[in-house]
C-alpha atoms as a PDB file:
ATOM      1  CA  THR A   1     107.850  98.777  98.337  1.00  0.00           C
ATOM      2  CA  GLY A   2     107.947  95.683 100.482  1.00  0.00           C
ATOM      3  CA  LEU A   3     107.254  95.879 104.191  1.00  0.00           C
ATOM      4  CA  ASP A   4     110.863  94.916 104.968  1.00  0.00           C
ATOM      5  CA  GLN A   5     112.095  97.802 102.895  1.00  0.00           C
ATOM      6  CA  GLN A   6     109.506 100.126 104.499  1.00  0.00           C
ATOM      7  CA  ALA A   7     110.684  99.049 108.036  1.00  0.00           C
ATOM      8  CA  ALA A   8     114.267 100.114 106.900  1.00  0.00           C
ATOM      9  CA  GLY A   9     113.033 103.526 105.971  1.00  0.00           C
ATOM     10  CA  GLN A  10     112.508 103.183 102.241  1.00  0.00           C
ATOM     11  CA  THR A  11     109.423 104.897 100.941  1.00  0.00           C
ATOM     12  CA  PRO A  12     107.149 104.001  98.019  1.00  0.00           C
ATOM     13  CA  PHE A  13     107.889 107.302  96.694  1.00  0.00           C
ATOM     14  CA  THR A  14     111.470 106.582  96.284  1.00  0.00           C
ATOM     15  CA  ASP A  15     110.589 103.543  94.261  1.00  0.00           C
ATOM     16  CA  LEU A  16     108.238 105.422  92.160  1.00  0.00           C
ATOM     17  CA  ALA A  17     110.734 108.060  91.349  1.00  0.00           C
ATOM     18  CA  LEU A  18     113.294 105.397  90.415  1.00  0.00           C
ATOM     19  CA  VAL A  19     110.735 103.722  88.047  1.00  0.00           C
ATOM     20  CA  ALA A  20     109.581 107.026  86.466  1.00  0.00           C
ATOM     21  CA  ALA A  21     113.317 108.065  85.920  1.00  0.00           C
ATOM     22  CA  LEU A  22     113.716 104.982  83.640  1.00  0.00           C
ATOM     23  CA  ASN A  23     111.627 106.850  81.026  1.00  0.00           C
ATOM     24  CA  LEU A  24     110.250 103.707  79.499  1.00  0.00           C
ATOM     25  CA  GLY A  25     107.305 105.480  77.856  1.00  0.00           C
ATOM     26  CA  VAL A  26     104.692 103.460  79.828  1.00  0.00           C
ATOM     27  CA  GLU A  27     101.951 104.399  82.109  1.00  0.00           C
ATOM     28  CA  ILE A  28     102.892 104.076  85.772  1.00  0.00           C
ATOM     29  CA  SER A  29     100.061 103.036  88.176  1.00  0.00           C
ATOM     30  CA  VAL A  30     100.105 103.624  91.974  1.00  0.00           C
ATOM     31  CA  ALA A  31      97.624 102.036  94.236  1.00  0.00           C
ATOM     32  CA  GLY A  32      97.643 101.735  98.062  1.00  0.00           C
ATOM     33  CA  GLY A  33      97.714 104.554 100.624  1.00  0.00           C
ATOM     34  CA  VAL A  34      96.582 107.113  98.085  1.00  0.00           C
ATOM     35  CA  LYS A  35      94.454 109.810  99.647  1.00  0.00           C
ATOM     36  CA  ALA A  36      93.981 113.458  99.165  1.00  0.00           C
ATOM     37  CA  ALA A  37      96.951 114.306 101.304  1.00  0.00           C
ATOM     38  CA  THR A  38      99.308 112.070  99.207  1.00  0.00           C
ATOM     39  CA  THR A  39      97.936 112.535  95.674  1.00  0.00           C
ATOM     40  CA  ALA A  40     100.166 115.430  94.662  1.00  0.00           C
ATOM     41  CA  GLN A  41     103.168 113.611  95.848  1.00  0.00           C
ATOM     42  CA  VAL A  42     102.235 110.521  93.967  1.00  0.00           C
ATOM     43  CA  ARG A  43     101.556 112.523  90.797  1.00  0.00           C
ATOM     44  CA  ASP A  44     104.708 114.546  91.134  1.00  0.00           C
ATOM     45  CA  ALA A  45     106.818 111.396  91.624  1.00  0.00           C
ATOM     46  CA  GLY A  46     105.764 110.129  88.228  1.00  0.00           C
ATOM     47  CA  ALA A  47     102.455 108.257  88.530  1.00  0.00           C
ATOM     48  CA  THR A  48     100.220 108.584  85.471  1.00  0.00           C
ATOM     49  CA  ILE A  49      97.465 106.379  86.883  1.00  0.00           C
ATOM     50  CA  ILE A  50      96.452 107.018  90.543  1.00  0.00           C
ATOM     51  CA  VAL A  51      94.104 104.519  92.208  1.00  0.00           C
ATOM     52  CA  ALA A  52      92.412 105.506  95.497  1.00  0.00           C
ATOM     53  CA  GLY A  53      90.207 102.930  97.304  1.00  0.00           C
ATOM     54  CA  ALA A  54      89.723 103.333 100.969  1.00  0.00           C
ATOM     55  CA  ALA A  55      90.175 107.077 100.879  1.00  0.00           C
ATOM     56  CA  ILE A  56      86.860 107.200  98.790  1.00  0.00           C
ATOM     57  CA  TYR A  57      84.844 104.296 100.000  1.00  0.00           C
ATOM     58  CA  GLY A  58      85.676 105.047 103.619  1.00  0.00           C
ATOM     59  CA  ALA A  59      84.903 108.735 103.423  1.00  0.00           C
ATOM     60  CA  ALA A  60      81.844 110.339 104.944  1.00  0.00           C
ATOM     61  CA  ASP A  61      81.079 111.728 101.491  1.00  0.00           C
ATOM     62  CA  PRO A  62      82.626 109.379  98.854  1.00  0.00           C
ATOM     63  CA  ALA A  63      81.657 111.646  95.982  1.00  0.00           C
ATOM     64  CA  ALA A  64      83.401 114.663  97.467  1.00  0.00           C
ATOM     65  CA  ALA A  65      86.521 112.513  98.338  1.00  0.00           C
ATOM     66  CA  ALA A  66      86.687 111.195  94.690  1.00  0.00           C
ATOM     67  CA  ALA A  67      86.267 114.663  93.288  1.00  0.00           C
ATOM     68  CA  GLU A  68      88.978 116.180  95.505  1.00  0.00           C
ATOM     69  CA  ILE A  69      91.489 113.410  94.732  1.00  0.00           C
ATOM     70  CA  THR A  70      90.670 113.709  90.894  1.00  0.00           C
ATOM     71  CA  ALA A  71      91.156 117.509  91.041  1.00  0.00           C
ATOM     72  CA  ILE A  72      94.474 117.061  92.829  1.00  0.00           C
ATOM     73  CA  ALA A  73      95.659 114.399  90.341  1.00  0.00           C
ATOM     74  CA  HIS A  74      94.847 116.608  87.325  1.00  0.00           C
ATOM     75  CA  ALA A  75      96.189 119.785  88.765  1.00  0.00           C
END
């Protein structure tokens, strides 16, 4: 979702749901802003590949953060 669209109130979750609803039979990858608090929403909106960066490498315990995000993604 472009910054101009975000400024107008559109969320990446809206775009993700629209892409997932196309039912193209492809994997849908999401990166950017993924953290433990958003992982379930990303998964539930249709992402099949979830990429978390800063939420892991910026965490006090990167291994624990990665494990938490992975568990939520596979729930």
